[in-house]
Amino acid sequence: MKRGEWVVSLVLAAMVCGTAMGQYGGGKGTAGEPYEIGTAEELIFMGGDPNNWDKHFILTGDIDLGGYSIDTALIAPDLDNSNYTFEGSAFTGVFDGADHQINNMKI
């Protein structure tokens, strides 16, 4: 690999790895270093990224969703409400509330 190609590859890898880390309060999504969720924006981002639904998360503070318009489940929504089966991407990760609360969520 030429020097220029190596630099481009390194930059692209950093962008891909940094996307999730930049959207959460910290962590790596592992059992030992779960992604840290401390704001409504971080929780909403988590719900919008099914690629991370097999990772580990921990709340780092209480979250108030008052003032946010939410029309479906934040995480792993059913994509077809016309029947009684779940159709969507299931959350298979770990979400540790760490004795914090998510308040004022209205769907």
N, C-alpha and C. Protein backbone atom coordinates (compact mmCIF):
# COMPACT_ATOMS: atom_id res chain seq x y z
N MET A 1 0.85 -1.17 0.00
CA MET A 1 0.00 0.00 0.00
C MET A 1 0.90 1.23 0.00
N LYS A 2 0.61 2.16 -0.88
CA LYS A 2 1.37 3.40 -0.96
C LYS A 2 1.03 4.31 0.21
N ARG A 3 1.93 5.24 0.49
CA ARG A 3 1.75 6.15 1.63
C ARG A 3 0.41 6.90 1.55
N GLY A 4 0.05 7.43 0.41
CA GLY A 4 -1.20 8.17 0.26
C GLY A 4 -2.42 7.28 0.51
N GLU A 5 -2.37 6.04 0.02
CA GLU A 5 -3.48 5.11 0.25
C GLU A 5 -3.58 4.76 1.73
N TRP A 6 -2.45 4.61 2.40
CA TRP A 6 -2.43 4.29 3.82
C TRP A 6 -3.06 5.42 4.64
N VAL A 7 -2.74 6.65 4.30
CA VAL A 7 -3.29 7.81 5.01
C VAL A 7 -4.81 7.87 4.81
N VAL A 8 -5.28 7.67 3.59
CA VAL A 8 -6.71 7.69 3.31
C VAL A 8 -7.41 6.58 4.09
N SER A 9 -6.83 5.38 4.12
CA SER A 9 -7.42 4.26 4.86
C SER A 9 -7.49 4.56 6.35
N LEU A 10 -6.46 5.16 6.89
CA LEU A 10 -6.42 5.51 8.31
C LEU A 10 -7.50 6.54 8.64
N VAL A 11 -7.65 7.54 7.80
CA VAL A 11 -8.66 8.58 8.02
C VAL A 11 -10.06 7.98 7.96
N LEU A 12 -10.33 7.12 6.98
CA LEU A 12 -11.64 6.49 6.87
C LEU A 12 -11.93 5.60 8.07
N ALA A 13 -10.95 4.86 8.53
CA ALA A 13 -11.14 4.01 9.71
C ALA A 13 -11.44 4.85 10.94
N ALA A 14 -10.77 5.95 11.09
CA ALA A 14 -11.01 6.84 12.24
C ALA A 14 -12.41 7.43 12.18
N MET A 15 -12.86 7.76 10.97
CA MET A 15 -14.21 8.32 10.83
C MET A 15 -15.27 7.30 11.20
N VAL A 16 -15.10 6.05 10.77
CA VAL A 16 -16.08 5.00 11.06
C VAL A 16 -16.08 4.70 12.55
N CYS A 17 -14.92 4.54 13.16
CA CYS A 17 -14.84 4.23 14.59
C CYS A 17 -15.29 5.41 15.43
N GLY A 18 -15.04 6.60 15.01
CA GLY A 18 -15.37 7.77 15.80
C GLY A 18 -16.82 8.18 15.74
N THR A 19 -17.58 7.64 14.79
CA THR A 19 -18.97 8.04 14.65
C THR A 19 -19.77 7.73 15.91
N ALA A 20 -19.76 6.50 16.35
CA ALA A 20 -20.52 6.13 17.56
C ALA A 20 -19.93 6.80 18.79
N MET A 21 -18.61 6.81 18.90
CA MET A 21 -17.98 7.39 20.07
C MET A 21 -18.29 8.88 20.18
N GLY A 22 -18.40 9.56 19.06
CA GLY A 22 -18.68 10.99 19.09
C GLY A 22 -20.13 11.30 19.42
N GLN A 23 -21.01 10.32 19.30
CA GLN A 23 -22.43 10.54 19.55
C GLN A 23 -22.85 10.17 20.97
N TYR A 24 -21.99 9.51 21.72
CA TYR A 24 -22.28 9.12 23.10
C TYR A 24 -21.34 9.87 24.03
N GLY A 25 -21.60 9.78 25.32
CA GLY A 25 -20.79 10.48 26.30
C GLY A 25 -19.45 9.83 26.56
N GLY A 26 -19.22 8.68 26.00
CA GLY A 26 -17.98 7.95 26.17
C GLY A 26 -18.22 6.47 26.00
N GLY A 27 -17.20 5.68 26.26
CA GLY A 27 -17.29 4.23 26.17
C GLY A 27 -17.03 3.70 24.78
N LYS A 28 -16.92 2.36 24.72
CA LYS A 28 -16.63 1.68 23.46
C LYS A 28 -17.70 0.67 23.07
N GLY A 29 -18.77 0.58 23.86
CA GLY A 29 -19.85 -0.35 23.54
C GLY A 29 -19.60 -1.77 23.99
N THR A 30 -18.56 -1.98 24.79
CA THR A 30 -18.23 -3.32 25.28
C THR A 30 -18.76 -3.50 26.70
N ALA A 31 -18.72 -4.73 27.21
CA ALA A 31 -19.16 -4.99 28.58
C ALA A 31 -18.32 -4.20 29.58
N GLY A 32 -17.03 -4.11 29.35
CA GLY A 32 -16.14 -3.39 30.26
C GLY A 32 -16.18 -1.88 30.10
N GLU A 33 -16.53 -1.41 28.91
CA GLU A 33 -16.61 0.02 28.61
C GLU A 33 -17.86 0.32 27.79
N PRO A 34 -19.04 0.26 28.45
CA PRO A 34 -20.28 0.49 27.71
C PRO A 34 -20.37 1.93 27.21
N TYR A 35 -21.13 2.11 26.12
CA TYR A 35 -21.42 3.46 25.66
C TYR A 35 -22.18 4.19 26.77
N GLU A 36 -21.81 5.42 27.03
CA GLU A 36 -22.43 6.21 28.10
C GLU A 36 -23.52 7.11 27.53
N ILE A 37 -24.72 6.97 28.10
CA ILE A 37 -25.88 7.75 27.68
C ILE A 37 -26.26 8.67 28.84
N GLY A 38 -26.13 9.98 28.63
CA GLY A 38 -26.44 10.93 29.69
C GLY A 38 -27.36 12.05 29.28
N THR A 39 -27.73 12.09 28.00
CA THR A 39 -28.60 13.16 27.51
C THR A 39 -29.70 12.57 26.63
N ALA A 40 -30.76 13.34 26.45
CA ALA A 40 -31.85 12.91 25.57
C ALA A 40 -31.33 12.71 24.15
N GLU A 41 -30.44 13.57 23.71
CA GLU A 41 -29.90 13.47 22.35
C GLU A 41 -29.12 12.17 22.16
N GLU A 42 -28.35 11.78 23.17
CA GLU A 42 -27.59 10.53 23.07
C GLU A 42 -28.53 9.32 23.04
N LEU A 43 -29.59 9.35 23.84
CA LEU A 43 -30.56 8.26 23.85
C LEU A 43 -31.28 8.17 22.51
N ILE A 44 -31.68 9.30 21.96
CA ILE A 44 -32.36 9.32 20.67
C ILE A 44 -31.42 8.84 19.57
N PHE A 45 -30.13 9.22 19.63
CA PHE A 45 -29.16 8.73 18.65
C PHE A 45 -29.04 7.22 18.74
N MET A 46 -28.99 6.70 19.97
CA MET A 46 -28.90 5.25 20.17
C MET A 46 -30.07 4.56 19.48
N GLY A 47 -31.26 5.08 19.66
CA GLY A 47 -32.45 4.49 19.05
C GLY A 47 -32.45 4.55 17.54
N GLY A 48 -31.75 5.50 16.98
CA GLY A 48 -31.73 5.67 15.53
C GLY A 48 -30.63 4.90 14.83
N ASP A 49 -29.82 4.14 15.58
CA ASP A 49 -28.70 3.43 14.96
C ASP A 49 -28.76 1.94 15.27
N PRO A 50 -29.52 1.16 14.49
CA PRO A 50 -29.64 -0.27 14.76
C PRO A 50 -28.32 -1.02 14.69
N ASN A 51 -27.29 -0.45 14.10
CA ASN A 51 -25.99 -1.11 14.05
C ASN A 51 -25.37 -1.25 15.44
N ASN A 52 -25.85 -0.47 16.40
CA ASN A 52 -25.31 -0.53 17.75
C ASN A 52 -26.21 -1.28 18.72
N TRP A 53 -27.29 -1.85 18.27
CA TRP A 53 -28.25 -2.48 19.17
C TRP A 53 -27.78 -3.81 19.74
N ASP A 54 -26.57 -4.22 19.41
CA ASP A 54 -25.99 -5.42 20.03
C ASP A 54 -24.84 -5.04 20.97
N LYS A 55 -24.75 -3.77 21.30
CA LYS A 55 -23.67 -3.26 22.15
C LYS A 55 -24.15 -3.07 23.60
N HIS A 56 -23.23 -2.64 24.45
CA HIS A 56 -23.53 -2.38 25.85
C HIS A 56 -23.66 -0.88 26.07
N PHE A 57 -24.67 -0.49 26.88
CA PHE A 57 -24.95 0.91 27.18
C PHE A 57 -25.18 1.06 28.67
N ILE A 58 -24.89 2.26 29.17
CA ILE A 58 -25.16 2.57 30.56
C ILE A 58 -25.64 4.02 30.67
N LEU A 59 -26.68 4.24 31.48
CA LEU A 59 -27.12 5.62 31.73
C LEU A 59 -26.18 6.25 32.74
N THR A 60 -25.79 7.48 32.48
CA THR A 60 -24.89 8.20 33.39
C THR A 60 -25.61 9.32 34.13
N GLY A 61 -26.90 9.47 33.88
CA GLY A 61 -27.70 10.49 34.55
C GLY A 61 -29.15 10.31 34.18
N ASP A 62 -30.03 10.96 34.93
CA ASP A 62 -31.45 10.95 34.58
C ASP A 62 -31.66 11.69 33.26
N ILE A 63 -32.60 11.23 32.46
CA ILE A 63 -32.89 11.84 31.17
C ILE A 63 -34.34 12.30 31.15
N ASP A 64 -34.56 13.54 30.77
CA ASP A 64 -35.90 14.12 30.66
C ASP A 64 -36.25 14.26 29.18
N LEU A 65 -37.27 13.52 28.75
CA LEU A 65 -37.69 13.58 27.35
C LEU A 65 -38.86 14.52 27.14
N GLY A 66 -39.20 15.31 28.16
CA GLY A 66 -40.24 16.32 28.01
C GLY A 66 -39.84 17.29 26.91
N GLY A 67 -40.76 17.60 26.04
CA GLY A 67 -40.45 18.51 24.94
C GLY A 67 -40.00 17.81 23.67
N TYR A 68 -39.77 16.50 23.73
CA TYR A 68 -39.40 15.74 22.54
C TYR A 68 -40.63 15.05 21.99
N SER A 69 -40.78 15.06 20.68
CA SER A 69 -41.90 14.40 20.02
C SER A 69 -41.45 13.01 19.59
N ILE A 70 -42.03 12.00 20.22
CA ILE A 70 -41.65 10.62 19.94
C ILE A 70 -42.92 9.88 19.52
N ASP A 71 -42.88 9.27 18.32
CA ASP A 71 -44.09 8.63 17.82
C ASP A 71 -44.00 7.11 17.75
N THR A 72 -42.90 6.54 18.21
CA THR A 72 -42.73 5.08 18.23
C THR A 72 -41.68 4.74 19.29
N ALA A 73 -41.47 3.48 19.53
CA ALA A 73 -40.45 3.07 20.49
C ALA A 73 -39.11 3.66 20.07
N LEU A 74 -38.36 4.14 21.04
CA LEU A 74 -37.05 4.73 20.73
C LEU A 74 -36.07 3.68 20.22
N ILE A 75 -36.12 2.51 20.80
CA ILE A 75 -35.16 1.46 20.45
C ILE A 75 -35.93 0.25 19.96
N ALA A 76 -35.54 -0.29 18.83
CA ALA A 76 -36.13 -1.48 18.23
C ALA A 76 -37.63 -1.34 17.99
N PRO A 77 -38.05 -0.32 17.24
CA PRO A 77 -39.48 -0.17 16.96
C PRO A 77 -39.99 -1.25 16.01
N ASP A 78 -41.26 -1.59 16.16
CA ASP A 78 -41.92 -2.51 15.23
C ASP A 78 -42.19 -1.72 13.95
N LEU A 79 -41.75 -2.23 12.84
CA LEU A 79 -41.87 -1.50 11.58
C LEU A 79 -43.22 -1.70 10.88
N ASP A 80 -44.02 -2.67 11.37
CA ASP A 80 -45.31 -2.94 10.75
C ASP A 80 -46.33 -3.22 11.85
N ASN A 81 -47.19 -2.25 12.13
CA ASN A 81 -48.18 -2.40 13.19
C ASN A 81 -49.47 -3.05 12.71
N SER A 82 -49.50 -3.56 11.50
CA SER A 82 -50.74 -4.14 10.96
C SER A 82 -50.98 -5.57 11.42
N ASN A 83 -50.01 -6.17 12.14
CA ASN A 83 -50.20 -7.54 12.63
C ASN A 83 -49.60 -7.66 14.02
N TYR A 84 -49.62 -8.86 14.58
CA TYR A 84 -49.16 -9.06 15.95
C TYR A 84 -47.74 -9.62 16.05
N THR A 85 -47.02 -9.64 14.95
CA THR A 85 -45.64 -10.12 14.99
C THR A 85 -44.68 -8.93 14.96
N PHE A 86 -43.53 -9.11 15.56
CA PHE A 86 -42.52 -8.06 15.57
C PHE A 86 -41.75 -8.09 14.26
N GLU A 87 -41.71 -6.97 13.58
CA GLU A 87 -40.97 -6.84 12.33
C GLU A 87 -40.07 -5.63 12.45
N GLY A 88 -38.83 -5.89 12.63
CA GLY A 88 -37.85 -4.83 12.81
C GLY A 88 -36.55 -5.44 13.32
N SER A 89 -35.63 -4.61 13.72
CA SER A 89 -34.37 -5.07 14.27
C SER A 89 -34.49 -5.11 15.79
N ALA A 90 -34.29 -6.27 16.37
CA ALA A 90 -34.40 -6.42 17.82
C ALA A 90 -33.17 -5.85 18.53
N PHE A 91 -33.37 -5.31 19.72
CA PHE A 91 -32.26 -4.89 20.56
C PHE A 91 -31.74 -6.13 21.27
N THR A 92 -30.49 -6.49 21.01
CA THR A 92 -29.90 -7.68 21.61
C THR A 92 -28.74 -7.33 22.53
N GLY A 93 -28.54 -6.04 22.77
CA GLY A 93 -27.45 -5.59 23.62
C GLY A 93 -27.84 -5.56 25.08
N VAL A 94 -27.09 -4.79 25.85
CA VAL A 94 -27.33 -4.63 27.28
C VAL A 94 -27.52 -3.15 27.57
N PHE A 95 -28.61 -2.82 28.27
CA PHE A 95 -28.89 -1.43 28.65
C PHE A 95 -28.99 -1.39 30.16
N ASP A 96 -27.98 -0.81 30.81
CA ASP A 96 -27.93 -0.71 32.27
C ASP A 96 -28.40 0.67 32.68
N GLY A 97 -29.52 0.74 33.38
CA GLY A 97 -30.05 2.02 33.84
C GLY A 97 -29.26 2.63 34.97
N ALA A 98 -28.45 1.83 35.66
CA ALA A 98 -27.56 2.31 36.73
C ALA A 98 -28.30 3.21 37.73
N ASP A 99 -29.53 2.82 38.07
CA ASP A 99 -30.36 3.55 39.04
C ASP A 99 -30.75 4.95 38.58
N HIS A 100 -30.69 5.21 37.28
CA HIS A 100 -31.15 6.48 36.73
C HIS A 100 -32.53 6.29 36.10
N GLN A 101 -33.18 7.39 35.78
CA GLN A 101 -34.54 7.35 35.23
C GLN A 101 -34.60 8.05 33.87
N ILE A 102 -35.53 7.55 33.05
CA ILE A 102 -35.92 8.24 31.82
C ILE A 102 -37.33 8.76 32.08
N ASN A 103 -37.47 10.08 32.14
CA ASN A 103 -38.73 10.70 32.53
C ASN A 103 -39.42 11.39 31.35
N ASN A 104 -40.74 11.54 31.48
CA ASN A 104 -41.57 12.31 30.55
C ASN A 104 -41.54 11.79 29.12
N MET A 105 -41.40 10.49 28.96
CA MET A 105 -41.46 9.93 27.61
C MET A 105 -42.91 9.62 27.29
N LYS A 106 -43.40 10.23 26.24
CA LYS A 106 -44.77 10.00 25.79
C LYS A 106 -44.72 9.61 24.33
N ILE A 107 -45.37 8.50 24.03
CA ILE A 107 -45.40 8.01 22.65
C ILE A 107 -46.81 8.20 22.13
